[in-house]
C-alpha atoms as a PDB file:
ATOM      1  CA  GLN A   1    -105.008 -49.552  -2.666  1.00  0.00           C
ATOM      2  CA  GLN A   2    -102.669 -51.567  -4.875  1.00  0.00           C
ATOM      3  CA  TRP A   3     -99.543 -49.809  -6.095  1.00  0.00           C
ATOM      4  CA  PRO A   4     -99.107 -49.493  -9.866  1.00  0.00           C
ATOM      5  CA  PHE A   5     -96.032 -51.568 -10.539  1.00  0.00           C
ATOM      6  CA  SER A   6     -95.591 -50.113 -13.975  1.00  0.00           C
ATOM      7  CA  ASN A   7     -94.566 -46.829 -12.396  1.00  0.00           C
ATOM      8  CA  LEU A   8     -92.315 -48.280  -9.713  1.00  0.00           C
ATOM      9  CA  ASN A   9     -88.736 -49.488  -9.602  1.00  0.00           C
ATOM     10  CA  LEU A  10     -88.733 -52.572  -7.422  1.00  0.00           C
ATOM     11  CA  ASN A  11     -84.948 -52.671  -7.073  1.00  0.00           C
ATOM     12  CA  MET A  12     -84.581 -49.892  -4.532  1.00  0.00           C
ATOM     13  CA  ASN A  13     -80.857 -50.224  -3.854  1.00  0.00           C
ATOM     14  CA  CYS A  14     -80.669 -46.616  -2.801  1.00  0.00           C
ATOM     15  CA  ALA A  15     -82.459 -47.543   0.398  1.00  0.00           C
ATOM     16  CA  VAL A  16     -79.327 -49.122   1.830  1.00  0.00           C
ATOM     17  CA  CYS A  17     -77.661 -45.757   2.330  1.00  0.00           C
ATOM     18  CA  TRP A  18     -80.413 -44.303   4.478  1.00  0.00           C
ATOM     19  CA  GLU A  19     -79.569 -44.013   8.157  1.00  0.00           C
ATOM     20  CA  CYS A  20     -81.904 -44.767  11.004  1.00  0.00           C
ATOM     21  CA  SER A  21     -82.919 -41.608  12.775  1.00  0.00           C
ATOM     22  CA  ALA A  22     -81.503 -41.445  16.288  1.00  0.00           C
ATOM     23  CA  ASN A  23     -84.226 -41.608  18.857  1.00  0.00           C
ATOM     24  CA  VAL A  24     -84.178 -38.334  20.742  1.00  0.00           C
ATOM     25  CA  ILE A  25     -85.325 -39.113  24.256  1.00  0.00           C
ATOM     26  CA  THR A  26     -86.823 -36.253  26.223  1.00  0.00           C
ATOM     27  CA  THR A  27     -86.177 -35.922  29.965  1.00  0.00           C
ATOM     28  CA  MET A  28     -89.192 -37.579  31.526  1.00  0.00           C
ATOM     29  CA  SER A  29     -89.968 -40.803  33.355  1.00  0.00           C
ATOM     30  CA  ILE A  30     -92.646 -43.373  32.753  1.00  0.00           C
ATOM     31  CA  SER A  31     -94.250 -46.189  34.656  1.00  0.00           C
ATOM     32  CA  GLY A  32     -96.376 -47.704  31.907  1.00  0.00           C
ATOM     33  CA  LEU A  33     -97.107 -47.438  28.211  1.00  0.00           C
ATOM     34  CA  ILE A  34    -100.884 -47.367  27.937  1.00  0.00           C
ATOM     35  CA  ILE A  35    -102.510 -46.749  24.567  1.00  0.00           C
ATOM     36  CA  ARG A  36    -105.198 -44.144  24.996  1.00  0.00           C
ATOM     37  CA  SER A  37    -106.940 -41.599  22.832  1.00  0.00           C
ATOM     38  CA  HIS A  38    -104.861 -38.628  21.735  1.00  0.00           C
ATOM     39  CA  SER A  39    -107.047 -36.360  23.868  1.00  0.00           C
ATOM     40  CA  SER A  40    -106.115 -38.126  27.118  1.00  0.00           C
ATOM     41  CA  GLN A  41    -104.193 -35.922  29.498  1.00  0.00           C
ATOM     42  CA  ASN A  42    -101.983 -38.863  30.437  1.00  0.00           C
ATOM     43  CA  VAL A  43    -100.465 -39.076  26.950  1.00  0.00           C
ATOM     44  CA  ILE A  44     -97.676 -36.798  25.814  1.00  0.00           C
ATOM     45  CA  ASN A  45     -97.594 -36.404  22.036  1.00  0.00           C
ATOM     46  CA  THR A  46     -94.423 -34.913  20.583  1.00  0.00           C
ATOM     47  CA  THR A  47     -93.199 -34.734  16.997  1.00  0.00           C
ATOM     48  CA  GLN A  48     -90.022 -36.230  15.587  1.00  0.00           C
ATOM     49  CA  SER A  49     -88.790 -33.822  12.959  1.00  0.00           C
ATOM     50  CA  ALA A  50     -87.093 -36.418  10.754  1.00  0.00           C
ATOM     51  CA  GLY A  51     -90.046 -38.741  10.374  1.00  0.00           C
ATOM     52  CA  ASN A  52     -93.013 -36.882  11.829  1.00  0.00           C
ATOM     53  CA  GLN A  53     -93.597 -39.918  14.028  1.00  0.00           C
ATOM     54  CA  ARG A  54     -95.662 -39.614  17.206  1.00  0.00           C
ATOM     55  CA  ARG A  55     -94.288 -40.795  20.540  1.00  0.00           C
ATOM     56  CA  PHE A  56     -96.641 -42.122  23.184  1.00  0.00           C
ATOM     57  CA  VAL A  57     -95.456 -41.752  26.766  1.00  0.00           C
ATOM     58  CA  SER A  58     -97.418 -42.261  29.951  1.00  0.00           C
ATOM     59  CA  SER A  59     -97.669 -39.739  32.784  1.00  0.00           C
ATOM     60  CA  GLN A  60     -94.553 -39.008  34.843  1.00  0.00           C
ATOM     61  CA  VAL A  61     -94.223 -41.387  37.768  1.00  0.00           C
ATOM     62  CA  GLY A  62     -91.158 -43.082  39.236  1.00  0.00           C
ATOM     63  CA  THR A  63     -87.567 -42.492  38.154  1.00  0.00           C
ATOM     64  CA  SER A  64     -86.155 -39.093  37.313  1.00  0.00           C
ATOM     65  CA  GLU A  65     -85.289 -39.509  33.655  1.00  0.00           C
ATOM     66  CA  THR A  66     -85.490 -41.778  30.656  1.00  0.00           C
ATOM     67  CA  THR A  67     -82.698 -43.930  29.278  1.00  0.00           C
ATOM     68  CA  ARG A  68     -79.937 -42.035  27.517  1.00  0.00           C
ATOM     69  CA  VAL A  69     -77.356 -44.327  25.962  1.00  0.00           C
ATOM     70  CA  ALA A  70     -75.232 -43.787  22.876  1.00  0.00           C
ATOM     71  CA  THR A  71     -76.120 -46.610  20.497  1.00  0.00           C
ATOM     72  CA  LYS A  72     -74.939 -47.935  17.173  1.00  0.00           C
ATOM     73  CA  SER A  73     -76.456 -46.534  14.014  1.00  0.00           C
ATOM     74  CA  PHE A  74     -77.724 -48.873  11.306  1.00  0.00           C
ATOM     75  CA  THR A  75     -79.079 -48.257   7.831  1.00  0.00           C
ATOM     76  CA  LYS A  76     -82.806 -47.779   7.462  1.00  0.00           C
ATOM     77  CA  SER A  77     -82.971 -50.837   5.251  1.00  0.00           C
ATOM     78  CA  PHE A  78     -81.455 -53.050   7.964  1.00  0.00           C
ATOM     79  CA  CYS A  79     -83.770 -51.632  10.632  1.00  0.00           C
ATOM     80  CA  GLU A  80     -86.863 -52.307   8.507  1.00  0.00           C
ATOM     81  CA  TRP A  81     -85.698 -55.790   7.540  1.00  0.00           C
ATOM     82  CA  LEU A  82     -84.838 -56.713  11.131  1.00  0.00           C
ATOM     83  CA  ALA A  83     -88.249 -55.526  12.331  1.00  0.00           C
ATOM     84  CA  GLY A  84     -89.860 -57.774   9.714  1.00  0.00           C
ATOM     85  CA  VAL A  85     -87.870 -60.802  10.888  1.00  0.00           C
ATOM     86  CA  ILE A  86     -88.785 -60.093  14.517  1.00  0.00           C
ATOM     87  CA  ASP A  87     -92.449 -59.583  13.605  1.00  0.00           C
ATOM     88  CA  GLY A  88     -92.419 -63.009  11.991  1.00  0.00           C
ATOM     89  CA  ASP A  89     -90.138 -65.206  14.111  1.00  0.00           C
ATOM     90  CA  GLY A  90     -89.074 -63.063  17.054  1.00  0.00           C
ATOM     91  CA  CYS A  91     -90.181 -62.544  20.635  1.00  0.00           C
ATOM     92  CA  LEU A  92     -89.518 -59.499  22.821  1.00  0.00           C
ATOM     93  CA  GLN A  93     -89.619 -60.378  26.506  1.00  0.00           C
ATOM     94  CA  VAL A  94     -89.423 -58.872  29.984  1.00  0.00           C
ATOM     95  CA  SER A  95     -88.528 -61.283  32.790  1.00  0.00           C
ATOM     96  CA  LYS A  96     -90.026 -61.249  36.273  1.00  0.00           C
ATOM     97  CA  GLN A  97     -86.818 -59.604  37.448  1.00  0.00           C
ATOM     98  CA  GLY A  98     -87.282 -56.818  34.884  1.00  0.00           C
ATOM     99  CA  TYR A  99     -84.614 -57.894  32.383  1.00  0.00           C
ATOM    100  CA  THR A 100     -85.416 -57.404  28.686  1.00  0.00           C
ATOM    101  CA  SER A 101     -84.453 -59.750  25.881  1.00  0.00           C
ATOM    102  CA  LEU A 102     -85.004 -60.654  22.250  1.00  0.00           C
ATOM    103  CA  GLU A 103     -85.279 -64.181  20.919  1.00  0.00           C
ATOM    104  CA  ILE A 104     -85.479 -65.229  17.269  1.00  0.00           C
ATOM    105  CA  THR A 105     -85.968 -68.912  16.456  1.00  0.00           C
ATOM    106  CA  MET A 106     -85.452 -70.204  12.914  1.00  0.00           C
ATOM    107  CA  GLY A 107     -84.752 -73.514  11.204  1.00  0.00           C
ATOM    108  CA  LEU A 108     -81.278 -74.999  10.858  1.00  0.00           C
ATOM    109  CA  GLU A 109     -81.103 -73.781   7.279  1.00  0.00           C
ATOM    110  CA  ASP A 110     -81.198 -70.132   8.394  1.00  0.00           C
ATOM    111  CA  LEU A 111     -78.189 -70.128  10.697  1.00  0.00           C
ATOM    112  CA  ALA A 112     -76.440 -67.675   8.349  1.00  0.00           C
ATOM    113  CA  LEU A 113     -79.297 -65.201   8.749  1.00  0.00           C
ATOM    114  CA  LEU A 114     -79.063 -65.374  12.542  1.00  0.00           C
ATOM    115  CA  ARG A 115     -75.301 -64.920  12.387  1.00  0.00           C
ATOM    116  CA  TYR A 116     -75.820 -61.819  10.277  1.00  0.00           C
ATOM    117  CA  ILE A 117     -78.011 -60.350  13.037  1.00  0.00           C
ATOM    118  CA  GLN A 118     -75.499 -61.445  15.675  1.00  0.00           C
ATOM    119  CA  ASP A 119     -72.699 -59.620  13.835  1.00  0.00           C
ATOM    120  CA  LYS A 120     -74.758 -56.441  13.990  1.00  0.00           C
ATOM    121  CA  LEU A 121     -76.150 -56.619  17.530  1.00  0.00           C
ATOM    122  CA  GLY A 122     -74.105 -59.139  19.482  1.00  0.00           C
ATOM    123  CA  GLY A 123     -75.925 -61.812  21.459  1.00  0.00           C
ATOM    124  CA  ASN A 124     -75.593 -65.584  21.198  1.00  0.00           C
ATOM    125  CA  ILE A 125     -76.913 -68.439  19.074  1.00  0.00           C
ATOM    126  CA  LYS A 126     -77.690 -71.905  20.396  1.00  0.00           C
ATOM    127  CA  MET A 127     -79.329 -74.986  18.934  1.00  0.00           C
ATOM    128  CA  ARG A 128     -82.649 -75.649  20.618  1.00  0.00           C
ATOM    129  CA  SER A 129     -82.739 -78.906  22.542  1.00  0.00           C
ATOM    130  CA  GLY A 130     -84.780 -81.529  20.728  1.00  0.00           C
ATOM    131  CA  ALA A 131     -85.672 -79.215  17.865  1.00  0.00           C
ATOM    132  CA  LYS A 132     -84.271 -78.722  14.392  1.00  0.00           C
ATOM    133  CA  ALA A 133     -83.845 -75.009  14.963  1.00  0.00           C
ATOM    134  CA  TYR A 134     -81.453 -72.351  16.223  1.00  0.00           C
ATOM    135  CA  ARG A 135     -82.334 -69.668  18.731  1.00  0.00           C
ATOM    136  CA  TYR A 136     -80.697 -66.251  18.681  1.00  0.00           C
ATOM    137  CA  ARG A 137     -80.842 -64.391  22.002  1.00  0.00           C
ATOM    138  CA  LEU A 138     -79.929 -60.847  22.959  1.00  0.00           C
ATOM    139  CA  HIS A 139     -80.328 -59.867  26.597  1.00  0.00           C
ATOM    140  CA  ASN A 140     -77.736 -57.291  27.680  1.00  0.00           C
ATOM    141  CA  ARG A 141     -79.212 -53.867  28.424  1.00  0.00           C
ATOM    142  CA  GLU A 142     -77.042 -51.826  26.065  1.00  0.00           C
ATOM    143  CA  GLY A 143     -77.730 -54.237  23.215  1.00  0.00           C
ATOM    144  CA  MET A 144     -81.461 -54.117  23.874  1.00  0.00           C
ATOM    145  CA  ILE A 145     -81.432 -50.315  23.837  1.00  0.00           C
ATOM    146  CA  THR A 146     -79.639 -50.411  20.482  1.00  0.00           C
ATOM    147  CA  LEU A 147     -82.192 -52.918  19.214  1.00  0.00           C
ATOM    148  CA  VAL A 148     -85.213 -50.896  20.346  1.00  0.00           C
ATOM    149  CA  ASN A 149     -83.825 -47.688  18.878  1.00  0.00           C
ATOM    150  CA  SER A 150     -83.379 -49.571  15.586  1.00  0.00           C
ATOM    151  CA  ILE A 151     -86.789 -51.243  15.276  1.00  0.00           C
ATOM    152  CA  ASN A 152     -88.903 -48.627  17.046  1.00  0.00           C
ATOM    153  CA  GLY A 153     -91.359 -47.292  14.466  1.00  0.00           C
ATOM    154  CA  HIS A 154     -91.015 -50.385  12.256  1.00  0.00           C
ATOM    155  CA  ILE A 155     -92.647 -53.111  14.396  1.00  0.00           C
ATOM    156  CA  ARG A 156     -96.273 -53.666  13.354  1.00  0.00           C
ATOM    157  CA  HIS A 157     -97.279 -57.282  14.070  1.00  0.00           C
ATOM    158  CA  THR A 158    -100.156 -57.331  16.560  1.00  0.00           C
ATOM    159  CA  SER A 159     -98.466 -59.530  19.179  1.00  0.00           C
ATOM    160  CA  ARG A 160     -94.996 -58.108  18.703  1.00  0.00           C
ATOM    161  CA  LEU A 161     -96.207 -54.529  19.124  1.00  0.00           C
ATOM    162  CA  LEU A 162     -97.590 -55.381  22.559  1.00  0.00           C
ATOM    163  CA  GLN A 163     -94.256 -56.964  23.451  1.00  0.00           C
ATOM    164  CA  LEU A 164     -92.402 -53.871  22.255  1.00  0.00           C
ATOM    165  CA  HIS A 165     -94.553 -51.713  24.531  1.00  0.00           C
ATOM    166  CA  ARG A 166     -93.569 -53.807  27.556  1.00  0.00           C
ATOM    167  CA  VAL A 167     -89.868 -53.673  26.665  1.00  0.00           C
ATOM    168  CA  CYS A 168     -89.980 -49.926  26.046  1.00  0.00           C
ATOM    169  CA  GLN A 169     -91.723 -49.455  29.383  1.00  0.00           C
ATOM    170  CA  GLN A 170     -88.900 -51.284  31.121  1.00  0.00           C
ATOM    171  CA  LEU A 171     -86.190 -49.332  29.268  1.00  0.00           C
ATOM    172  CA  ASN A 172     -87.991 -45.972  29.568  1.00  0.00           C
ATOM    173  CA  ILE A 173     -88.066 -45.441  25.805  1.00  0.00           C
ATOM    174  CA  PRO A 174     -91.128 -43.873  24.149  1.00  0.00           C
ATOM    175  CA  VAL A 175     -92.855 -46.073  21.580  1.00  0.00           C
ATOM    176  CA  LEU A 176     -93.065 -44.801  18.012  1.00  0.00           C
ATOM    177  CA  GLU A 177     -96.019 -45.327  15.736  1.00  0.00           C
ATOM    178  CA  ALA A 178     -95.226 -47.673  12.859  1.00  0.00           C
ATOM    179  CA  VAL A 179     -94.254 -45.737   9.741  1.00  0.00           C
ATOM    180  CA  PRO A 180     -96.390 -46.375   6.633  1.00  0.00           C
ATOM    181  CA  LEU A 181     -95.195 -49.193   4.378  1.00  0.00           C
ATOM    182  CA  THR A 182     -94.219 -48.510   0.765  1.00  0.00           C
ATOM    183  CA  ILE A 183     -92.931 -50.552  -2.159  1.00  0.00           C
ATOM    184  CA  SER A 184     -89.363 -49.787  -1.029  1.00  0.00           C
ATOM    185  CA  SER A 185     -89.826 -50.933   2.581  1.00  0.00           C
ATOM    186  CA  TYR A 186     -87.481 -53.740   3.572  1.00  0.00           C
ATOM    187  CA  TRP A 187     -89.989 -54.914   6.206  1.00  0.00           C
ATOM    188  CA  PHE A 188     -91.707 -57.107   3.592  1.00  0.00           C
ATOM    189  CA  ALA A 189     -88.448 -58.956   2.926  1.00  0.00           C
ATOM    190  CA  GLY A 190     -87.757 -59.542   6.617  1.00  0.00           C
ATOM    191  CA  PHE A 191     -91.257 -60.833   7.291  1.00  0.00           C
ATOM    192  CA  PHE A 192     -91.050 -63.060   4.191  1.00  0.00           C
ATOM    193  CA  ASP A 193     -87.708 -64.439   5.433  1.00  0.00           C
ATOM    194  CA  ALA A 194     -89.545 -65.440   8.606  1.00  0.00           C
ATOM    195  CA  ASP A 195     -93.058 -66.456   7.493  1.00  0.00           C
ATOM    196  CA  GLY A 196     -92.952 -66.644   3.703  1.00  0.00           C
ATOM    197  CA  THR A 197     -92.545 -69.511   1.256  1.00  0.00           C
ATOM    198  CA  ILE A 198     -91.754 -69.767  -2.445  1.00  0.00           C
ATOM    199  CA  GLY A 199     -92.372 -73.064  -4.186  1.00  0.00           C
ATOM    200  CA  PHE A 200     -94.395 -74.887  -6.786  1.00  0.00           C
ATOM    201  CA  THR A 201     -96.846 -77.751  -6.802  1.00  0.00           C
ATOM    202  CA  ILE A 202     -97.962 -79.993  -9.650  1.00  0.00           C
ATOM    203  CA  LYS A 203    -101.539 -79.367 -10.726  1.00  0.00           C
ATOM    204  CA  ASN A 204    -103.024 -81.206 -13.707  1.00  0.00           C
ATOM    205  CA  LEU A 205     -99.530 -82.428 -14.584  1.00  0.00           C
ATOM    206  CA  ASN A 206     -98.265 -78.817 -14.730  1.00  0.00           C
ATOM    207  CA  PRO A 207     -96.097 -77.028 -12.128  1.00  0.00           C
ATOM    208  CA  GLN A 208     -97.711 -74.005 -10.448  1.00  0.00           C
ATOM    209  CA  LEU A 209     -95.366 -71.491  -8.808  1.00  0.00           C
ATOM    210  CA  SER A 210     -96.588 -69.410  -5.863  1.00  0.00           C
ATOM    211  CA  LEU A 211     -95.402 -66.963  -3.210  1.00  0.00           C
ATOM    212  CA  ARG A 212     -97.104 -67.206   0.177  1.00  0.00           C
ATOM    213  CA  VAL A 213     -97.059 -65.519   3.569  1.00  0.00           C
ATOM    214  CA  VAL A 214     -99.127 -66.913   6.446  1.00  0.00           C
ATOM    215  CA  ASN A 215    -100.191 -65.573   9.827  1.00  0.00           C
ATOM    216  CA  LYS A 216    -102.925 -66.036  12.396  1.00  0.00           C
ATOM    217  CA  LEU A 217    -104.479 -62.596  11.938  1.00  0.00           C
ATOM    218  CA  LEU A 218    -105.708 -60.973   8.739  1.00  0.00           C
ATOM    219  CA  VAL A 219    -104.273 -57.588   9.707  1.00  0.00           C
ATOM    220  CA  ASP A 220    -100.763 -59.083   9.796  1.00  0.00           C
ATOM    221  CA  VAL A 221    -100.763 -60.162   6.125  1.00  0.00           C
ATOM    222  CA  GLN A 222    -103.008 -57.613   4.462  1.00  0.00           C
ATOM    223  CA  TRP A 223    -100.105 -55.223   3.757  1.00  0.00           C
ATOM    224  CA  TYR A 224     -98.774 -57.693   1.181  1.00  0.00           C
ATOM    225  CA  LYS A 225    -102.003 -57.574  -0.770  1.00  0.00           C
ATOM    226  CA  GLN A 226    -102.162 -53.781  -0.566  1.00  0.00           C
ATOM    227  CA  ILE A 227     -98.650 -53.354  -1.959  1.00  0.00           C
ATOM    228  CA  PHE A 228     -98.061 -56.426  -4.131  1.00  0.00           C
ATOM    229  CA  GLY A 229    -101.545 -57.544  -5.131  1.00  0.00           C
ATOM    230  CA  GLY A 230    -102.461 -61.222  -5.038  1.00  0.00           C
ATOM    231  CA  TYR A 231    -105.132 -62.727  -2.800  1.00  0.00           C
ATOM    232  CA  ILE A 232    -105.713 -63.581   0.852  1.00  0.00           C
ATOM    233  CA  TYR A 233    -107.275 -66.899   1.819  1.00  0.00           C
ATOM    234  CA  TYR A 234    -108.414 -68.305   5.143  1.00  0.00           C
ATOM    235  CA  ASP A 235    -107.318 -71.840   6.006  1.00  0.00           C
ATOM    236  CA  SER A 236    -109.236 -73.520   8.829  1.00  0.00           C
ATOM    237  CA  SER A 237    -106.525 -76.110   9.504  1.00  0.00           C
ATOM    238  CA  GLN A 238    -104.078 -75.727  12.409  1.00  0.00           C
ATOM    239  CA  ASN A 239    -106.603 -73.661  14.380  1.00  0.00           C
ATOM    240  CA  GLY A 240    -107.026 -71.339  11.409  1.00  0.00           C
ATOM    241  CA  TYR A 241    -104.721 -68.843   9.711  1.00  0.00           C
ATOM    242  CA  TYR A 242    -104.678 -66.330   6.858  1.00  0.00           C
ATOM    243  CA  GLN A 243    -102.548 -66.782   3.777  1.00  0.00           C
ATOM    244  CA  TRP A 244    -101.467 -64.165   1.259  1.00  0.00           C
ATOM    245  CA  SER A 245    -100.699 -65.744  -2.090  1.00  0.00           C
ATOM    246  CA  VAL A 246     -99.474 -64.675  -5.512  1.00  0.00           C
ATOM    247  CA  GLN A 247     -99.633 -67.293  -8.277  1.00  0.00           C
ATOM    248  CA  SER A 248     -99.993 -65.530 -11.619  1.00  0.00           C
ATOM    249  CA  ARG A 249     -96.852 -65.247 -13.726  1.00  0.00           C
ATOM    250  CA  LYS A 250     -97.521 -61.568 -14.343  1.00  0.00           C
ATOM    251  CA  ASP A 251     -97.618 -60.693 -10.635  1.00  0.00           C
ATOM    252  CA  ILE A 252     -94.667 -62.891  -9.692  1.00  0.00           C
ATOM    253  CA  LEU A 253     -92.437 -61.411 -12.385  1.00  0.00           C
ATOM    254  CA  LYS A 254     -93.369 -57.921 -11.214  1.00  0.00           C
ATOM    255  CA  ILE A 255     -92.252 -58.489  -7.648  1.00  0.00           C
ATOM    256  CA  LYS A 256     -89.419 -61.031  -7.884  1.00  0.00           C
ATOM    257  CA  ASP A 257     -86.691 -58.388  -8.088  1.00  0.00           C
ATOM    258  CA  TYR A 258     -87.890 -56.811  -4.855  1.00  0.00           C
ATOM    259  CA  PHE A 259     -87.567 -60.053  -2.913  1.00  0.00           C
ATOM    260  CA  LYS A 260     -84.391 -61.403  -4.489  1.00  0.00           C
ATOM    261  CA  ASN A 261     -82.478 -58.214  -3.699  1.00  0.00           C
ATOM    262  CA  LYS A 262     -83.693 -57.867  -0.115  1.00  0.00           C
ATOM    263  CA  CYS A 263     -84.318 -61.326   1.394  1.00  0.00           C
ATOM    264  CA  ARG A 264     -81.572 -63.128   3.327  1.00  0.00           C
ATOM    265  CA  SER A 265     -83.109 -66.484   4.271  1.00  0.00           C
ATOM    266  CA  HIS A 266     -82.205 -69.830   2.737  1.00  0.00           C
ATOM    267  CA  LYS A 267     -85.139 -69.551   0.306  1.00  0.00           C
ATOM    268  CA  SER A 268     -84.011 -66.239  -1.179  1.00  0.00           C
ATOM    269  CA  HIS A 269     -81.911 -67.899  -3.891  1.00  0.00           C
ATOM    270  CA  ARG A 270     -85.112 -69.229  -5.477  1.00  0.00           C
ATOM    271  CA  PHE A 271     -86.052 -65.732  -6.607  1.00  0.00           C
ATOM    272  CA  TYR A 272     -82.973 -65.821  -8.871  1.00  0.00           C
ATOM    273  CA  LEU A 273     -84.287 -69.030 -10.472  1.00  0.00           C
ATOM    274  CA  ILE A 274     -87.765 -67.780 -11.373  1.00  0.00           C
ATOM    275  CA  ASP A 275     -86.868 -66.775 -14.930  1.00  0.00           C
ATOM    276  CA  GLU A 276     -85.296 -70.194 -15.546  1.00  0.00           C
ATOM    277  CA  TYR A 277     -88.366 -71.876 -14.076  1.00  0.00           C
ATOM    278  CA  TYR A 278     -90.711 -70.159 -16.524  1.00  0.00           C
ATOM    279  CA  LYS A 279     -88.374 -70.819 -19.453  1.00  0.00           C
ATOM    280  CA  LEU A 280     -88.310 -74.549 -18.720  1.00  0.00           C
ATOM    281  CA  LYS A 281     -92.026 -74.621 -18.034  1.00  0.00           C
ATOM    282  CA  ASP A 282     -92.735 -73.085 -21.449  1.00  0.00           C
ATOM    283  CA  LEU A 283     -90.587 -75.839 -22.993  1.00  0.00           C
ATOM    284  CA  LYS A 284     -92.590 -78.417 -20.988  1.00  0.00           C
ATOM    285  CA  ALA A 285     -89.283 -79.703 -19.690  1.00  0.00           C
ATOM    286  CA  PHE A 286     -91.060 -81.019 -16.594  1.00  0.00           C
ATOM    287  CA  SER A 287     -92.524 -83.820 -18.711  1.00  0.00           C
ATOM    288  CA  GLU A 288     -90.504 -87.020 -18.715  1.00  0.00           C
ATOM    289  CA  LYS A 289     -91.134 -87.269 -22.438  1.00  0.00           C
ATOM    290  CA  SER A 290     -89.517 -83.904 -23.112  1.00  0.00           C
ATOM    291  CA  ILE A 291     -86.115 -83.740 -24.749  1.00  0.00           C
ATOM    292  CA  ASN A 292     -85.316 -81.041 -22.158  1.00  0.00           C
ATOM    293  CA  HIS A 293     -86.210 -83.158 -19.136  1.00  0.00           C
ATOM    294  CA  LYS A 294     -82.576 -83.455 -18.034  1.00  0.00           C
ATOM    295  CA  ALA A 295     -82.447 -79.661 -17.843  1.00  0.00           C
ATOM    296  CA  TRP A 296     -85.539 -79.742 -15.621  1.00  0.00           C
ATOM    297  CA  LYS A 297     -83.945 -82.272 -13.273  1.00  0.00           C
ATOM    298  CA  ALA A 298     -80.818 -80.128 -13.073  1.00  0.00           C
ATOM    299  CA  PHE A 299     -83.024 -77.144 -12.275  1.00  0.00           C
ATOM    300  CA  LEU A 300     -84.692 -79.059  -9.435  1.00  0.00           C
ATOM    301  CA  VAL A 301     -81.291 -79.715  -7.866  1.00  0.00           C
ATOM    302  CA  LYS A 302     -80.576 -75.976  -7.836  1.00  0.00           C
ATOM    303  CA  TRP A 303     -84.090 -75.203  -6.566  1.00  0.00           C
ATOM    304  CA  GLN A 304     -83.733 -77.532  -3.569  1.00  0.00           C
ATOM    305  CA  LYS A 305     -80.198 -76.479  -2.727  1.00  0.00           C
ATOM    306  CA  LEU A 306     -79.954 -74.499   0.500  1.00  0.00           C
ATOM    307  CA  LYS A 307     -78.396 -71.057   0.496  1.00  0.00           C
ATOM    308  CA  ILE A 308     -75.652 -71.065   3.116  1.00  0.00           C
END
């Protein structure tokens, strides 16, 4: 169901003061995190009072207790945003030796975003050999426990959720069900920072602005359509993928404030230029014959400039 934008305030700055609920870990041990029906006797279902989120824990086998480590506390907005970035460009791993790690790989233009995460969680950043990209890596146990306690309940990408289960199994941390997404959720901004694009193409001599998010599976982009409207298309190129797209001026103007106030990638500055884009388009400044064409060329310089 699409949310009625007319009744919503897209600039939800109040969200930044919310604190992530500390994960209360009960004294139990686990050997595997197997998704089963709620009626299975091998699943323990408890309730988290703050968020009414269900924890799934396997039957007790192995060590005597789960991990109990005092971790940093981050705002809810950061936790949601970080989960979105990881869902899009991250990878949660468990090595053969049982060590857990997080890797996030992004283009050279998003080094500032990776440094922002590094400032929060620690870890290291290195340029990938032979690739125009940086890789952020977190692998120390305490840092990984802090990470999991931050993103647990916010990871929802199909592949990443399976990876989270393996990491939680290794760290003896119960997995939380993903909380429902709303118009104020910062997850959309994080996932857009990773897998979204904002740009325009020239069609019939006129520029056409669009917002897009792509992914291999329909389920991993359908939340955008449910919350923000637009359309989802299937593209058979590159082994096939699904693309959420918003192109109408009405829809873009409704949602631009959400993205410009929450995104952190190099493309986020373009949301601040949308009003100028439509003003110049209405003046037909994109035409070389227009008296305002110099203003259009100056706009293009700002549009292509990287946010660093």
